[in-house]
Amino acid sequence: YSGMLLANEVSGFGRKIPSYDFAAAKVIVSLGADFLGTWLNPVENARGYSKGRKIDEKNPSMSKHYQFEGHLSMTGSNADERFTHRPSETGAIAVALLAAVNGGAASVADGKLKAGIEKAAADLKAHNGAALVVSSSNDKNVQVVVNAINNAIGAYGTTINWNQAVNYRQGIDSDMADLIAQMEAGAV
């Protein structure tokens, strides 16, 4: 999660992870995040996700879930629409989704994947303020793009709460690697 922490810091939110309200999201797009299985707090995520998927008199429509991933996950098996790609293409998928959300064209060679990105982007724009994009990538640059997508769709303050940051997953990978290097050099 260090890529996510560093991206949030670069994006001006501080080195923290916000809380995600899956129950308030009418559209959920996941870029490889297995939020029902292993990503962040799957118990809390599943609770909110199931609320958004339950249909009754008070809630006549359920949330729409798009999953873009390189391998089948528990979350992907529950998605309304699932699109596969190479794990190395996650950054390109994120950039294409941002471009599509901002009114540009999704520049992805695979036709089915491109159509999926454009459909997800249209759904995200149609549900401005009631949508959410999450990613499991540990690449800071990918997470910065995800932050830009969430900003463009009005997720901050509605489905993403920076005032209720979660206090777990605070480690930075490079700090640990630096510590080990110092220990091996006898500096510690």
N, C-alpha and C. Protein backbone atom coordinates (compact mmCIF):
# COMPACT_ATOMS: atom_id res chain seq x y z
N TYR A 1 0.80 -1.21 0.00
CA TYR A 1 0.00 0.00 0.00
C TYR A 1 0.84 1.27 0.00
N SER A 2 2.17 1.13 -0.07
CA SER A 2 3.01 2.32 -0.02
C SER A 2 2.81 3.20 -1.25
N GLY A 3 2.54 2.60 -2.41
CA GLY A 3 2.26 3.39 -3.60
C GLY A 3 1.02 4.26 -3.42
N MET A 4 0.03 3.71 -2.76
CA MET A 4 -1.21 4.44 -2.49
C MET A 4 -0.94 5.59 -1.50
N LEU A 5 -0.19 5.30 -0.44
CA LEU A 5 0.14 6.33 0.55
C LEU A 5 0.93 7.47 -0.08
N LEU A 6 1.93 7.15 -0.88
CA LEU A 6 2.76 8.17 -1.52
C LEU A 6 1.96 8.97 -2.54
N ALA A 7 1.08 8.30 -3.28
CA ALA A 7 0.25 9.01 -4.26
C ALA A 7 -0.71 9.97 -3.56
N ASN A 8 -1.28 9.55 -2.45
CA ASN A 8 -2.19 10.42 -1.72
C ASN A 8 -1.45 11.63 -1.17
N GLU A 9 -0.20 11.42 -0.75
CA GLU A 9 0.61 12.53 -0.26
C GLU A 9 0.90 13.51 -1.40
N VAL A 10 1.29 12.98 -2.56
CA VAL A 10 1.58 13.82 -3.73
C VAL A 10 0.32 14.56 -4.19
N SER A 11 -0.83 13.92 -4.05
CA SER A 11 -2.10 14.52 -4.49
C SER A 11 -2.63 15.55 -3.48
N GLY A 12 -1.93 15.74 -2.36
CA GLY A 12 -2.31 16.77 -1.41
C GLY A 12 -3.23 16.32 -0.28
N PHE A 13 -3.38 15.01 -0.10
CA PHE A 13 -4.26 14.49 0.94
C PHE A 13 -3.51 14.03 2.18
N GLY A 14 -2.20 14.05 2.14
CA GLY A 14 -1.40 13.55 3.24
C GLY A 14 -1.09 12.08 3.05
N ARG A 15 -0.14 11.59 3.82
CA ARG A 15 0.26 10.19 3.72
C ARG A 15 -0.70 9.34 4.54
N LYS A 16 -1.89 9.15 3.99
CA LYS A 16 -2.92 8.37 4.66
C LYS A 16 -3.82 7.71 3.63
N ILE A 17 -4.63 6.79 4.10
CA ILE A 17 -5.59 6.09 3.26
C ILE A 17 -6.98 6.48 3.74
N PRO A 18 -7.84 6.94 2.84
CA PRO A 18 -9.19 7.35 3.26
C PRO A 18 -10.09 6.16 3.51
N SER A 19 -11.26 6.43 4.04
CA SER A 19 -12.27 5.37 4.15
C SER A 19 -13.13 5.42 2.89
N TYR A 20 -13.54 4.26 2.44
CA TYR A 20 -14.34 4.13 1.21
C TYR A 20 -15.75 3.70 1.57
N ASP A 21 -16.74 4.38 1.03
CA ASP A 21 -18.14 4.07 1.30
C ASP A 21 -18.74 3.37 0.09
N PHE A 22 -18.59 2.06 0.04
CA PHE A 22 -19.12 1.28 -1.07
C PHE A 22 -20.65 1.29 -1.09
N ALA A 23 -21.28 1.50 0.06
CA ALA A 23 -22.75 1.54 0.11
C ALA A 23 -23.30 2.76 -0.60
N ALA A 24 -22.57 3.87 -0.60
CA ALA A 24 -23.03 5.10 -1.23
C ALA A 24 -22.73 5.14 -2.73
N ALA A 25 -21.92 4.23 -3.21
CA ALA A 25 -21.52 4.24 -4.62
C ALA A 25 -22.55 3.52 -5.50
N LYS A 26 -23.03 4.23 -6.49
CA LYS A 26 -23.94 3.63 -7.47
C LYS A 26 -23.16 2.94 -8.59
N VAL A 27 -21.91 3.38 -8.79
CA VAL A 27 -21.02 2.76 -9.77
C VAL A 27 -19.67 2.56 -9.11
N ILE A 28 -19.16 1.33 -9.21
CA ILE A 28 -17.86 0.98 -8.63
C ILE A 28 -16.99 0.43 -9.75
N VAL A 29 -15.80 1.00 -9.90
CA VAL A 29 -14.83 0.49 -10.86
C VAL A 29 -13.59 0.10 -10.08
N SER A 30 -13.18 -1.14 -10.24
CA SER A 30 -11.99 -1.63 -9.56
C SER A 30 -10.93 -1.99 -10.60
N LEU A 31 -9.75 -1.46 -10.39
CA LEU A 31 -8.60 -1.79 -11.23
C LEU A 31 -7.73 -2.77 -10.47
N GLY A 32 -8.17 -4.01 -10.45
CA GLY A 32 -7.43 -5.08 -9.81
C GLY A 32 -7.56 -5.17 -8.30
N ALA A 33 -8.32 -4.28 -7.69
CA ALA A 33 -8.48 -4.31 -6.23
C ALA A 33 -9.50 -5.39 -5.85
N ASP A 34 -9.04 -6.37 -5.12
CA ASP A 34 -9.92 -7.44 -4.64
C ASP A 34 -10.52 -6.99 -3.31
N PHE A 35 -11.37 -5.98 -3.37
CA PHE A 35 -11.88 -5.36 -2.14
C PHE A 35 -12.83 -6.25 -1.35
N LEU A 36 -13.30 -7.34 -1.93
CA LEU A 36 -14.11 -8.30 -1.18
C LEU A 36 -13.27 -9.44 -0.61
N GLY A 37 -12.01 -9.55 -1.05
CA GLY A 37 -11.18 -10.66 -0.63
C GLY A 37 -9.95 -10.27 0.18
N THR A 38 -9.12 -9.36 -0.34
CA THR A 38 -7.85 -9.09 0.32
C THR A 38 -7.48 -7.61 0.40
N TRP A 39 -8.14 -6.72 -0.29
CA TRP A 39 -7.72 -5.32 -0.38
C TRP A 39 -8.21 -4.51 0.82
N LEU A 40 -7.31 -3.87 1.50
CA LEU A 40 -7.59 -3.04 2.67
C LEU A 40 -8.41 -3.80 3.71
N ASN A 41 -9.66 -3.43 3.90
CA ASN A 41 -10.51 -4.07 4.92
C ASN A 41 -11.68 -4.76 4.22
N PRO A 42 -11.50 -6.02 3.79
CA PRO A 42 -12.55 -6.69 3.02
C PRO A 42 -13.86 -6.89 3.76
N VAL A 43 -13.83 -7.00 5.09
CA VAL A 43 -15.07 -7.19 5.84
C VAL A 43 -15.92 -5.92 5.77
N GLU A 44 -15.30 -4.78 6.03
CA GLU A 44 -16.01 -3.50 5.94
C GLU A 44 -16.45 -3.21 4.51
N ASN A 45 -15.57 -3.49 3.55
CA ASN A 45 -15.91 -3.26 2.14
C ASN A 45 -17.09 -4.13 1.71
N ALA A 46 -17.09 -5.39 2.11
CA ALA A 46 -18.18 -6.31 1.74
C ALA A 46 -19.50 -5.87 2.35
N ARG A 47 -19.44 -5.36 3.55
CA ARG A 47 -20.67 -4.88 4.21
C ARG A 47 -21.29 -3.73 3.41
N GLY A 48 -20.48 -2.74 3.04
CA GLY A 48 -20.98 -1.62 2.25
C GLY A 48 -21.40 -2.05 0.85
N TYR A 49 -20.60 -2.91 0.24
CA TYR A 49 -20.89 -3.39 -1.11
C TYR A 49 -22.23 -4.12 -1.14
N SER A 50 -22.48 -4.97 -0.13
CA SER A 50 -23.73 -5.74 -0.11
C SER A 50 -24.94 -4.84 0.09
N LYS A 51 -24.78 -3.74 0.83
CA LYS A 51 -25.89 -2.78 0.99
C LYS A 51 -26.27 -2.16 -0.35
N GLY A 52 -25.26 -1.83 -1.15
CA GLY A 52 -25.51 -1.24 -2.46
C GLY A 52 -26.06 -2.23 -3.47
N ARG A 53 -25.93 -3.51 -3.21
CA ARG A 53 -26.39 -4.55 -4.13
C ARG A 53 -27.75 -5.11 -3.77
N LYS A 54 -28.29 -4.66 -2.64
CA LYS A 54 -29.58 -5.18 -2.17
C LYS A 54 -30.72 -4.32 -2.72
N ILE A 55 -31.69 -4.98 -3.32
CA ILE A 55 -32.84 -4.29 -3.89
C ILE A 55 -34.04 -4.48 -2.97
N ASP A 56 -34.73 -3.38 -2.67
CA ASP A 56 -35.98 -3.43 -1.90
C ASP A 56 -36.80 -2.20 -2.26
N GLU A 57 -37.89 -1.96 -1.52
CA GLU A 57 -38.76 -0.82 -1.84
C GLU A 57 -38.03 0.51 -1.69
N LYS A 58 -37.16 0.62 -0.68
CA LYS A 58 -36.42 1.86 -0.45
C LYS A 58 -35.32 2.06 -1.48
N ASN A 59 -34.76 0.98 -1.96
CA ASN A 59 -33.66 1.03 -2.91
C ASN A 59 -33.99 0.16 -4.12
N PRO A 60 -34.72 0.71 -5.11
CA PRO A 60 -35.17 -0.11 -6.23
C PRO A 60 -34.08 -0.45 -7.27
N SER A 61 -32.89 0.13 -7.13
CA SER A 61 -31.82 -0.20 -8.07
C SER A 61 -30.54 -0.50 -7.30
N MET A 62 -29.73 -1.39 -7.85
CA MET A 62 -28.49 -1.74 -7.16
C MET A 62 -27.30 -1.12 -7.87
N SER A 63 -26.18 -1.10 -7.17
CA SER A 63 -24.97 -0.52 -7.74
C SER A 63 -24.46 -1.35 -8.91
N LYS A 64 -23.70 -0.70 -9.78
CA LYS A 64 -23.10 -1.36 -10.94
C LYS A 64 -21.61 -1.50 -10.66
N HIS A 65 -21.07 -2.69 -10.91
CA HIS A 65 -19.68 -2.98 -10.58
C HIS A 65 -18.92 -3.43 -11.82
N TYR A 66 -17.87 -2.69 -12.17
CA TYR A 66 -16.96 -3.03 -13.26
C TYR A 66 -15.64 -3.46 -12.65
N GLN A 67 -15.09 -4.57 -13.12
CA GLN A 67 -13.81 -5.06 -12.61
C GLN A 67 -12.85 -5.22 -13.78
N PHE A 68 -11.71 -4.55 -13.70
CA PHE A 68 -10.62 -4.69 -14.67
C PHE A 68 -9.48 -5.36 -13.91
N GLU A 69 -9.08 -6.57 -14.35
CA GLU A 69 -8.06 -7.30 -13.60
C GLU A 69 -7.30 -8.27 -14.49
N GLY A 70 -6.14 -8.68 -13.98
CA GLY A 70 -5.29 -9.60 -14.72
C GLY A 70 -5.55 -11.06 -14.40
N HIS A 71 -6.18 -11.34 -13.27
CA HIS A 71 -6.51 -12.71 -12.89
C HIS A 71 -7.83 -12.70 -12.13
N LEU A 72 -8.51 -13.80 -12.09
CA LEU A 72 -9.81 -13.87 -11.43
C LEU A 72 -9.65 -13.76 -9.92
N SER A 73 -10.40 -12.84 -9.35
CA SER A 73 -10.40 -12.65 -7.90
C SER A 73 -11.81 -12.86 -7.38
N MET A 74 -11.95 -12.89 -6.06
CA MET A 74 -13.27 -13.02 -5.47
C MET A 74 -14.15 -11.82 -5.88
N THR A 75 -13.57 -10.64 -5.87
CA THR A 75 -14.31 -9.44 -6.27
C THR A 75 -14.69 -9.51 -7.74
N GLY A 76 -13.76 -9.94 -8.57
CA GLY A 76 -14.04 -10.05 -10.01
C GLY A 76 -15.15 -11.04 -10.30
N SER A 77 -15.24 -12.10 -9.51
CA SER A 77 -16.31 -13.09 -9.74
C SER A 77 -17.68 -12.54 -9.36
N ASN A 78 -17.72 -11.45 -8.61
CA ASN A 78 -18.99 -10.82 -8.22
C ASN A 78 -19.34 -9.62 -9.09
N ALA A 79 -18.47 -9.25 -10.00
CA ALA A 79 -18.68 -8.05 -10.82
C ALA A 79 -19.81 -8.24 -11.83
N ASP A 80 -20.47 -7.14 -12.14
CA ASP A 80 -21.49 -7.16 -13.21
C ASP A 80 -20.80 -7.32 -14.56
N GLU A 81 -19.69 -6.61 -14.73
CA GLU A 81 -18.92 -6.71 -15.96
C GLU A 81 -17.45 -6.81 -15.60
N ARG A 82 -16.80 -7.81 -16.15
CA ARG A 82 -15.39 -8.07 -15.83
C ARG A 82 -14.58 -8.07 -17.12
N PHE A 83 -13.47 -7.34 -17.09
CA PHE A 83 -12.60 -7.23 -18.26
C PHE A 83 -11.19 -7.63 -17.84
N THR A 84 -10.60 -8.54 -18.62
CA THR A 84 -9.27 -9.02 -18.29
C THR A 84 -8.21 -8.32 -19.14
N HIS A 85 -7.04 -8.21 -18.56
CA HIS A 85 -5.89 -7.62 -19.25
C HIS A 85 -4.63 -8.12 -18.56
N ARG A 86 -3.50 -7.87 -19.15
CA ARG A 86 -2.23 -8.24 -18.53
C ARG A 86 -2.04 -7.36 -17.29
N PRO A 87 -1.52 -7.91 -16.21
CA PRO A 87 -1.27 -7.08 -15.02
C PRO A 87 -0.39 -5.87 -15.31
N SER A 88 0.51 -5.98 -16.27
CA SER A 88 1.40 -4.87 -16.62
C SER A 88 0.65 -3.73 -17.31
N GLU A 89 -0.59 -3.96 -17.73
CA GLU A 89 -1.37 -2.94 -18.43
C GLU A 89 -2.25 -2.10 -17.51
N THR A 90 -2.16 -2.31 -16.19
CA THR A 90 -3.03 -1.60 -15.26
C THR A 90 -2.86 -0.09 -15.38
N GLY A 91 -1.64 0.39 -15.52
CA GLY A 91 -1.40 1.82 -15.67
C GLY A 91 -2.04 2.38 -16.93
N ALA A 92 -1.92 1.66 -18.03
CA ALA A 92 -2.53 2.10 -19.29
C ALA A 92 -4.05 2.12 -19.19
N ILE A 93 -4.62 1.15 -18.47
CA ILE A 93 -6.07 1.10 -18.27
C ILE A 93 -6.50 2.32 -17.46
N ALA A 94 -5.76 2.64 -16.41
CA ALA A 94 -6.09 3.80 -15.57
C ALA A 94 -6.02 5.10 -16.39
N VAL A 95 -4.97 5.26 -17.18
CA VAL A 95 -4.83 6.47 -18.01
C VAL A 95 -5.96 6.55 -19.04
N ALA A 96 -6.31 5.43 -19.65
CA ALA A 96 -7.40 5.41 -20.63
C ALA A 96 -8.74 5.74 -19.97
N LEU A 97 -8.95 5.25 -18.76
CA LEU A 97 -10.19 5.55 -18.03
C LEU A 97 -10.26 7.02 -17.68
N LEU A 98 -9.15 7.61 -17.25
CA LEU A 98 -9.11 9.04 -16.95
C LEU A 98 -9.41 9.86 -18.20
N ALA A 99 -8.80 9.48 -19.32
CA ALA A 99 -9.05 10.19 -20.58
C ALA A 99 -10.53 10.10 -20.96
N ALA A 100 -11.12 8.92 -20.83
CA ALA A 100 -12.53 8.74 -21.19
C ALA A 100 -13.46 9.51 -20.25
N VAL A 101 -13.12 9.55 -18.97
CA VAL A 101 -13.94 10.30 -18.01
C VAL A 101 -13.89 11.80 -18.33
N ASN A 102 -12.72 12.26 -18.79
CA ASN A 102 -12.56 13.68 -19.13
C ASN A 102 -13.00 14.01 -20.55
N GLY A 103 -13.65 13.08 -21.23
CA GLY A 103 -14.21 13.35 -22.55
C GLY A 103 -13.31 12.98 -23.71
N GLY A 104 -12.15 12.42 -23.44
CA GLY A 104 -11.24 12.00 -24.50
C GLY A 104 -11.52 10.58 -24.94
N ALA A 105 -10.63 10.08 -25.76
CA ALA A 105 -10.77 8.71 -26.24
C ALA A 105 -9.87 7.78 -25.44
N ALA A 106 -10.37 6.60 -25.16
CA ALA A 106 -9.59 5.57 -24.48
C ALA A 106 -8.61 4.97 -25.47
N SER A 107 -7.32 5.15 -25.23
CA SER A 107 -6.31 4.68 -26.18
C SER A 107 -5.79 3.30 -25.77
N VAL A 108 -6.63 2.29 -26.02
CA VAL A 108 -6.28 0.91 -25.74
C VAL A 108 -6.49 0.11 -27.02
N ALA A 109 -5.53 -0.74 -27.36
CA ALA A 109 -5.60 -1.48 -28.62
C ALA A 109 -6.71 -2.54 -28.63
N ASP A 110 -6.91 -3.24 -27.54
CA ASP A 110 -7.91 -4.30 -27.46
C ASP A 110 -9.32 -3.69 -27.55
N GLY A 111 -10.09 -4.09 -28.54
CA GLY A 111 -11.42 -3.53 -28.78
C GLY A 111 -12.40 -3.76 -27.65
N LYS A 112 -12.41 -4.99 -27.10
CA LYS A 112 -13.34 -5.30 -26.02
C LYS A 112 -12.99 -4.50 -24.76
N LEU A 113 -11.71 -4.40 -24.48
CA LEU A 113 -11.24 -3.65 -23.32
C LEU A 113 -11.55 -2.16 -23.49
N LYS A 114 -11.34 -1.64 -24.69
CA LYS A 114 -11.63 -0.23 -24.98
C LYS A 114 -13.12 0.05 -24.78
N ALA A 115 -13.97 -0.83 -25.28
CA ALA A 115 -15.42 -0.66 -25.12
C ALA A 115 -15.81 -0.70 -23.64
N GLY A 116 -15.16 -1.57 -22.87
CA GLY A 116 -15.42 -1.67 -21.44
C GLY A 116 -15.02 -0.40 -20.71
N ILE A 117 -13.88 0.15 -21.06
CA ILE A 117 -13.41 1.40 -20.44
C ILE A 117 -14.37 2.53 -20.76
N GLU A 118 -14.79 2.62 -22.01
CA GLU A 118 -15.70 3.70 -22.41
C GLU A 118 -17.06 3.56 -21.72
N LYS A 119 -17.54 2.33 -21.58
CA LYS A 119 -18.82 2.10 -20.90
C LYS A 119 -18.71 2.45 -19.42
N ALA A 120 -17.62 2.04 -18.77
CA ALA A 120 -17.42 2.35 -17.36
C ALA A 120 -17.29 3.86 -17.16
N ALA A 121 -16.56 4.53 -18.05
CA ALA A 121 -16.38 5.99 -17.94
C ALA A 121 -17.72 6.72 -18.09
N ALA A 122 -18.53 6.28 -19.03
CA ALA A 122 -19.85 6.90 -19.21
C ALA A 122 -20.71 6.72 -17.97
N ASP A 123 -20.65 5.54 -17.37
CA ASP A 123 -21.40 5.26 -16.14
C ASP A 123 -20.88 6.10 -14.98
N LEU A 124 -19.57 6.24 -14.88
CA LEU A 124 -18.98 7.07 -13.82
C LEU A 124 -19.43 8.52 -13.95
N LYS A 125 -19.39 9.05 -15.17
CA LYS A 125 -19.81 10.44 -15.39
C LYS A 125 -21.29 10.63 -15.12
N ALA A 126 -22.11 9.65 -15.48
CA ALA A 126 -23.56 9.74 -15.26
C ALA A 126 -23.91 9.71 -13.78
N HIS A 127 -23.04 9.16 -12.95
CA HIS A 127 -23.29 9.07 -11.51
C HIS A 127 -22.28 9.91 -10.73
N ASN A 128 -22.03 11.11 -11.22
CA ASN A 128 -21.09 12.03 -10.58
C ASN A 128 -21.44 12.23 -9.11
N GLY A 129 -20.49 12.02 -8.23
CA GLY A 129 -20.73 12.15 -6.80
C GLY A 129 -21.22 10.88 -6.14
N ALA A 130 -21.58 9.89 -6.93
CA ALA A 130 -22.06 8.61 -6.38
C ALA A 130 -21.32 7.46 -7.04
N ALA A 131 -20.03 7.67 -7.28
CA ALA A 131 -19.21 6.66 -7.94
C ALA A 131 -17.87 6.56 -7.22
N LEU A 132 -17.16 5.48 -7.53
CA LEU A 132 -15.92 5.20 -6.82
C LEU A 132 -15.00 4.37 -7.71
N VAL A 133 -13.70 4.72 -7.73
CA VAL A 133 -12.70 3.94 -8.45
C VAL A 133 -11.61 3.56 -7.46
N VAL A 134 -11.26 2.28 -7.40
CA VAL A 134 -10.21 1.79 -6.51
C VAL A 134 -9.20 0.98 -7.33
N SER A 135 -7.97 0.94 -6.83
CA SER A 135 -6.93 0.18 -7.52
C SER A 135 -6.01 -0.48 -6.49
N SER A 136 -5.56 -1.67 -6.81
CA SER A 136 -4.64 -2.38 -5.93
C SER A 136 -3.18 -2.15 -6.30
N SER A 137 -2.93 -1.37 -7.32
CA SER A 137 -1.57 -1.16 -7.78
C SER A 137 -0.71 -0.54 -6.69
N ASN A 138 0.52 -1.01 -6.57
CA ASN A 138 1.46 -0.42 -5.62
C ASN A 138 2.35 0.60 -6.31
N ASP A 139 2.01 0.98 -7.53
CA ASP A 139 2.72 2.00 -8.28
C ASP A 139 2.13 3.36 -7.95
N LYS A 140 2.95 4.25 -7.42
CA LYS A 140 2.49 5.58 -7.04
C LYS A 140 1.84 6.31 -8.22
N ASN A 141 2.41 6.17 -9.42
CA ASN A 141 1.90 6.88 -10.59
C ASN A 141 0.49 6.42 -10.96
N VAL A 142 0.23 5.12 -10.87
CA VAL A 142 -1.10 4.59 -11.15
C VAL A 142 -2.09 5.14 -10.13
N GLN A 143 -1.69 5.17 -8.87
CA GLN A 143 -2.58 5.67 -7.82
C GLN A 143 -2.85 7.17 -7.97
N VAL A 144 -1.89 7.93 -8.48
CA VAL A 144 -2.12 9.36 -8.75
C VAL A 144 -3.20 9.50 -9.83
N VAL A 145 -3.15 8.66 -10.84
CA VAL A 145 -4.16 8.68 -11.90
C VAL A 145 -5.53 8.30 -11.33
N VAL A 146 -5.57 7.31 -10.46
CA VAL A 146 -6.84 6.91 -9.81
C VAL A 146 -7.39 8.07 -8.98
N ASN A 147 -6.50 8.79 -8.28
CA ASN A 147 -6.95 9.96 -7.53
C ASN A 147 -7.54 11.02 -8.46
N ALA A 148 -6.95 11.21 -9.62
CA ALA A 148 -7.47 12.17 -10.59
C ALA A 148 -8.84 11.74 -11.12
N ILE A 149 -9.03 10.45 -11.33
CA ILE A 149 -10.33 9.94 -11.78
C ILE A 149 -11.37 10.20 -10.70
N ASN A 150 -11.05 9.86 -9.46
CA ASN A 150 -12.00 10.07 -8.36
C ASN A 150 -12.33 11.55 -8.18
N ASN A 151 -11.35 12.42 -8.40
CA ASN A 151 -11.60 13.85 -8.34
C ASN A 151 -12.55 14.28 -9.46
N ALA A 152 -12.33 13.75 -10.66
CA ALA A 152 -13.16 14.11 -11.83
C ALA A 152 -14.60 13.64 -11.68
N ILE A 153 -14.82 12.57 -10.95
CA ILE A 153 -16.19 12.03 -10.80
C ILE A 153 -16.86 12.47 -9.50
N GLY A 154 -16.21 13.36 -8.76
CA GLY A 154 -16.82 13.89 -7.54
C GLY A 154 -16.91 12.90 -6.39
N ALA A 155 -15.96 11.99 -6.29
CA ALA A 155 -16.01 10.97 -5.25
C ALA A 155 -15.59 11.50 -3.88
N TYR A 156 -14.74 12.53 -3.87
CA TYR A 156 -14.23 13.04 -2.59
C TYR A 156 -15.34 13.76 -1.84
N GLY A 157 -15.54 13.32 -0.61
CA GLY A 157 -16.60 13.89 0.23
C GLY A 157 -17.90 13.13 0.14
N THR A 158 -18.03 12.21 -0.80
CA THR A 158 -19.26 11.42 -0.93
C THR A 158 -18.97 9.94 -0.72
N THR A 159 -18.21 9.34 -1.61
CA THR A 159 -17.88 7.91 -1.48
C THR A 159 -16.47 7.70 -0.92
N ILE A 160 -15.67 8.75 -0.91
CA ILE A 160 -14.33 8.70 -0.33
C ILE A 160 -14.24 9.78 0.74
N ASN A 161 -13.92 9.35 1.96
CA ASN A 161 -13.90 10.28 3.09
C ASN A 161 -12.48 10.44 3.62
N TRP A 162 -11.88 11.60 3.38
CA TRP A 162 -10.53 11.87 3.87
C TRP A 162 -10.53 12.25 5.34
N ASN A 163 -11.66 12.65 5.89
CA ASN A 163 -11.73 13.01 7.31
C ASN A 163 -11.73 11.78 8.21
N GLN A 164 -12.03 10.62 7.65
CA GLN A 164 -12.00 9.37 8.39
C GLN A 164 -10.95 8.44 7.78
N ALA A 165 -9.72 8.85 7.91
CA ALA A 165 -8.64 8.03 7.36
C ALA A 165 -8.50 6.75 8.18
N VAL A 166 -8.13 5.67 7.51
CA VAL A 166 -7.91 4.40 8.21
C VAL A 166 -6.47 4.41 8.74
N ASN A 167 -6.26 3.81 9.87
CA ASN A 167 -4.95 3.87 10.52
C ASN A 167 -4.16 2.59 10.42
N TYR A 168 -4.38 1.84 9.38
CA TYR A 168 -3.57 0.66 9.14
C TYR A 168 -2.93 0.80 7.77
N ARG A 169 -2.00 -0.06 7.46
CA ARG A 169 -1.27 -0.01 6.19
C ARG A 169 -0.51 1.32 6.06
N GLN A 170 0.35 1.61 7.02
CA GLN A 170 1.07 2.88 7.02
C GLN A 170 2.53 2.75 6.58
N GLY A 171 2.99 1.54 6.32
CA GLY A 171 4.39 1.33 5.97
C GLY A 171 4.74 1.72 4.56
N ILE A 172 5.97 2.21 4.39
CA ILE A 172 6.49 2.57 3.07
C ILE A 172 7.60 1.58 2.74
N ASP A 173 7.47 0.91 1.61
CA ASP A 173 8.40 -0.14 1.22
C ASP A 173 9.85 0.34 1.17
N SER A 174 10.09 1.52 0.62
CA SER A 174 11.46 2.02 0.48
C SER A 174 12.10 2.31 1.84
N ASP A 175 11.31 2.71 2.83
CA ASP A 175 11.85 2.94 4.18
C ASP A 175 12.40 1.64 4.76
N MET A 176 11.69 0.55 4.56
CA MET A 176 12.14 -0.75 5.06
C MET A 176 13.41 -1.19 4.33
N ALA A 177 13.43 -1.00 3.02
CA ALA A 177 14.63 -1.37 2.24
C ALA A 177 15.83 -0.54 2.69
N ASP A 178 15.63 0.75 2.98
CA ASP A 178 16.72 1.60 3.47
C ASP A 178 17.22 1.13 4.83
N LEU A 179 16.31 0.74 5.71
CA LEU A 179 16.68 0.24 7.03
C LEU A 179 17.54 -1.02 6.92
N ILE A 180 17.12 -1.93 6.05
CA ILE A 180 17.88 -3.19 5.86
C ILE A 180 19.27 -2.88 5.30
N ALA A 181 19.35 -1.94 4.36
CA ALA A 181 20.66 -1.57 3.79
C ALA A 181 21.57 -0.97 4.86
N GLN A 182 21.01 -0.13 5.73
CA GLN A 182 21.79 0.46 6.82
C GLN A 182 22.24 -0.60 7.82
N MET A 183 21.37 -1.56 8.09
CA MET A 183 21.73 -2.64 9.02
C MET A 183 22.85 -3.50 8.45
N GLU A 184 22.75 -3.81 7.17
CA GLU A 184 23.79 -4.62 6.51
C GLU A 184 25.13 -3.88 6.45
N ALA A 185 25.08 -2.55 6.38
CA ALA A 185 26.30 -1.76 6.34
C ALA A 185 26.87 -1.50 7.74
N GLY A 186 26.15 -1.93 8.77
CA GLY A 186 26.61 -1.76 10.13
C GLY A 186 26.32 -0.37 10.70
N ALA A 187 25.50 0.39 10.05
CA ALA A 187 25.17 1.75 10.51
C ALA A 187 24.12 1.76 11.61
N VAL A 188 23.46 0.64 11.82
CA VAL A 188 22.43 0.58 12.86
C VAL A 188 22.87 -0.38 13.94
